[in-house]
């Protein structure tokens, strides 16, 4: 996964390998953000694929919606989620070309 390429690999006291924890800065709200309502079967991964054409970008949506994905990737049905479309605010030179008006590509 591309997002882990700069993550340090550490060893615990039993010499087991694990990835260091990474904390992302909050993503500010913008006029270009898209808001969707969660539907059955939607996940962070399906949204990342629909909006960014890259399943590894799920963390952007999770970061934009703090507290919504505590240990899971599934969206809650009926809950509103924010999808940042201009990713220059997170240091990525990408503008979403994904779906609009509900998103998720029919998932």
Protein backbone atom coordinates (compact mmCIF):
# COMPACT_ATOMS: atom_id res chain seq x y z
CA UNK A 1 0.00 0.00 0.00
CA UNK A 2 1.34 3.38 -1.00
CA UNK A 3 0.33 5.08 2.23
CA UNK A 4 2.72 2.87 4.24
CA UNK A 5 5.85 3.52 2.18
CA UNK A 6 7.14 6.17 4.64
CA UNK A 7 5.95 4.38 7.78
CA UNK A 8 8.69 3.09 10.03
CA UNK A 9 8.85 -0.62 10.83
CA UNK A 10 9.58 -1.23 14.51
CA UNK A 11 10.31 -4.31 16.62
CA UNK A 12 8.74 -5.03 20.00
CA UNK A 13 10.58 -6.67 22.89
CA UNK A 14 9.86 -10.13 21.42
CA UNK A 15 11.40 -8.97 18.14
CA UNK A 16 7.96 -8.99 16.42
CA UNK A 17 7.69 -6.40 13.66
CA UNK A 18 4.93 -3.77 13.58
CA UNK A 19 4.28 -0.46 11.87
CA UNK A 20 4.63 2.75 13.82
CA UNK A 21 1.47 4.76 14.44
CA UNK A 22 0.82 7.74 12.20
CA UNK A 23 -1.43 10.63 13.13
CA UNK A 24 -2.83 12.78 10.35
CA UNK A 25 -3.58 16.49 10.61
CA UNK A 26 -7.27 17.43 10.41
CA UNK A 27 -8.52 18.12 6.89
CA UNK A 28 -10.17 21.55 6.75
CA UNK A 29 -13.65 21.85 5.25
CA UNK A 30 -13.80 23.38 1.79
CA UNK A 31 -16.57 24.54 -0.52
CA UNK A 32 -15.56 21.80 -2.96
CA UNK A 33 -16.20 18.96 -0.47
CA UNK A 34 -18.92 16.47 -1.35
CA UNK A 35 -21.36 15.20 1.28
CA UNK A 36 -22.97 11.78 1.01
CA UNK A 37 -25.38 9.73 3.10
CA UNK A 38 -24.14 6.24 4.01
CA UNK A 39 -25.83 3.34 2.23
CA UNK A 40 -25.86 -0.39 2.92
CA UNK A 41 -22.60 -2.01 1.86
CA UNK A 42 -20.57 1.20 1.48
CA UNK A 43 -17.08 1.24 2.96
CA UNK A 44 -14.19 3.66 3.10
CA UNK A 45 -12.53 1.54 0.43
CA UNK A 46 -15.47 1.68 -2.01
CA UNK A 47 -15.73 5.46 -1.55
CA UNK A 48 -11.99 5.94 -2.09
CA UNK A 49 -12.25 3.90 -5.27
CA UNK A 50 -15.28 5.89 -6.47
CA UNK A 51 -13.96 9.36 -5.67
CA UNK A 52 -10.18 8.99 -6.04
CA UNK A 53 -9.85 5.89 -8.24
CA UNK A 54 -7.47 4.57 -5.59
CA UNK A 55 -8.54 2.21 -2.79
CA UNK A 56 -5.44 3.19 -0.77
CA UNK A 57 -6.85 6.70 -0.29
CA UNK A 58 -9.49 5.53 2.23
CA UNK A 59 -7.56 7.25 5.01
CA UNK A 60 -8.40 10.70 3.55
CA UNK A 61 -12.13 10.07 4.04
CA UNK A 62 -11.53 8.61 7.51
CA UNK A 63 -9.46 11.65 8.50
CA UNK A 64 -12.13 14.05 7.19
CA UNK A 65 -14.74 12.29 9.36
CA UNK A 66 -13.10 11.93 12.80
CA UNK A 67 -14.72 9.51 15.20
CA UNK A 68 -16.86 7.85 12.51
CA UNK A 69 -14.73 4.78 11.83
CA UNK A 70 -13.46 3.56 15.19
CA UNK A 71 -11.76 0.35 14.09
CA UNK A 72 -14.00 -0.30 11.09
CA UNK A 73 -14.39 0.63 7.46
CA UNK A 74 -18.16 0.32 6.98
CA UNK A 75 -20.34 3.42 6.74
CA UNK A 76 -23.37 3.74 8.99
CA UNK A 77 -26.57 3.77 6.95
CA UNK A 78 -28.22 7.21 7.00
CA UNK A 79 -25.21 9.06 8.44
CA UNK A 80 -23.68 12.01 6.57
CA UNK A 81 -20.03 11.79 5.50
CA UNK A 82 -17.72 14.39 4.01
CA UNK A 83 -15.57 13.54 0.98
CA UNK A 84 -12.72 16.03 0.36
CA UNK A 85 -12.27 16.53 -3.37
CA UNK A 86 -9.29 18.91 -3.42
CA UNK A 87 -6.52 16.89 -1.82
CA UNK A 88 -3.90 19.62 -2.04
CA UNK A 89 -4.83 20.42 1.60
CA UNK A 90 -3.42 17.03 2.65
CA UNK A 91 -0.26 17.47 0.61
CA UNK A 92 -1.47 15.50 -2.39
CA UNK A 93 -1.72 17.03 -5.84
CA UNK A 94 -5.03 15.37 -6.70
CA UNK A 95 -8.48 16.71 -7.44
CA UNK A 96 -11.20 14.07 -7.28
CA UNK A 97 -12.73 12.97 -10.55
CA UNK A 98 -15.11 10.55 -8.83
CA UNK A 99 -18.86 10.26 -8.76
CA UNK A 100 -21.10 12.97 -7.42
CA UNK A 101 -24.59 13.30 -6.04
CA UNK A 102 -24.54 10.47 -3.51
CA UNK A 103 -21.33 8.77 -4.49
CA UNK A 104 -20.40 5.19 -3.88
CA UNK A 105 -20.93 4.14 -7.48
CA UNK A 106 -24.18 2.36 -6.57
CA UNK A 107 -22.67 0.34 -3.72
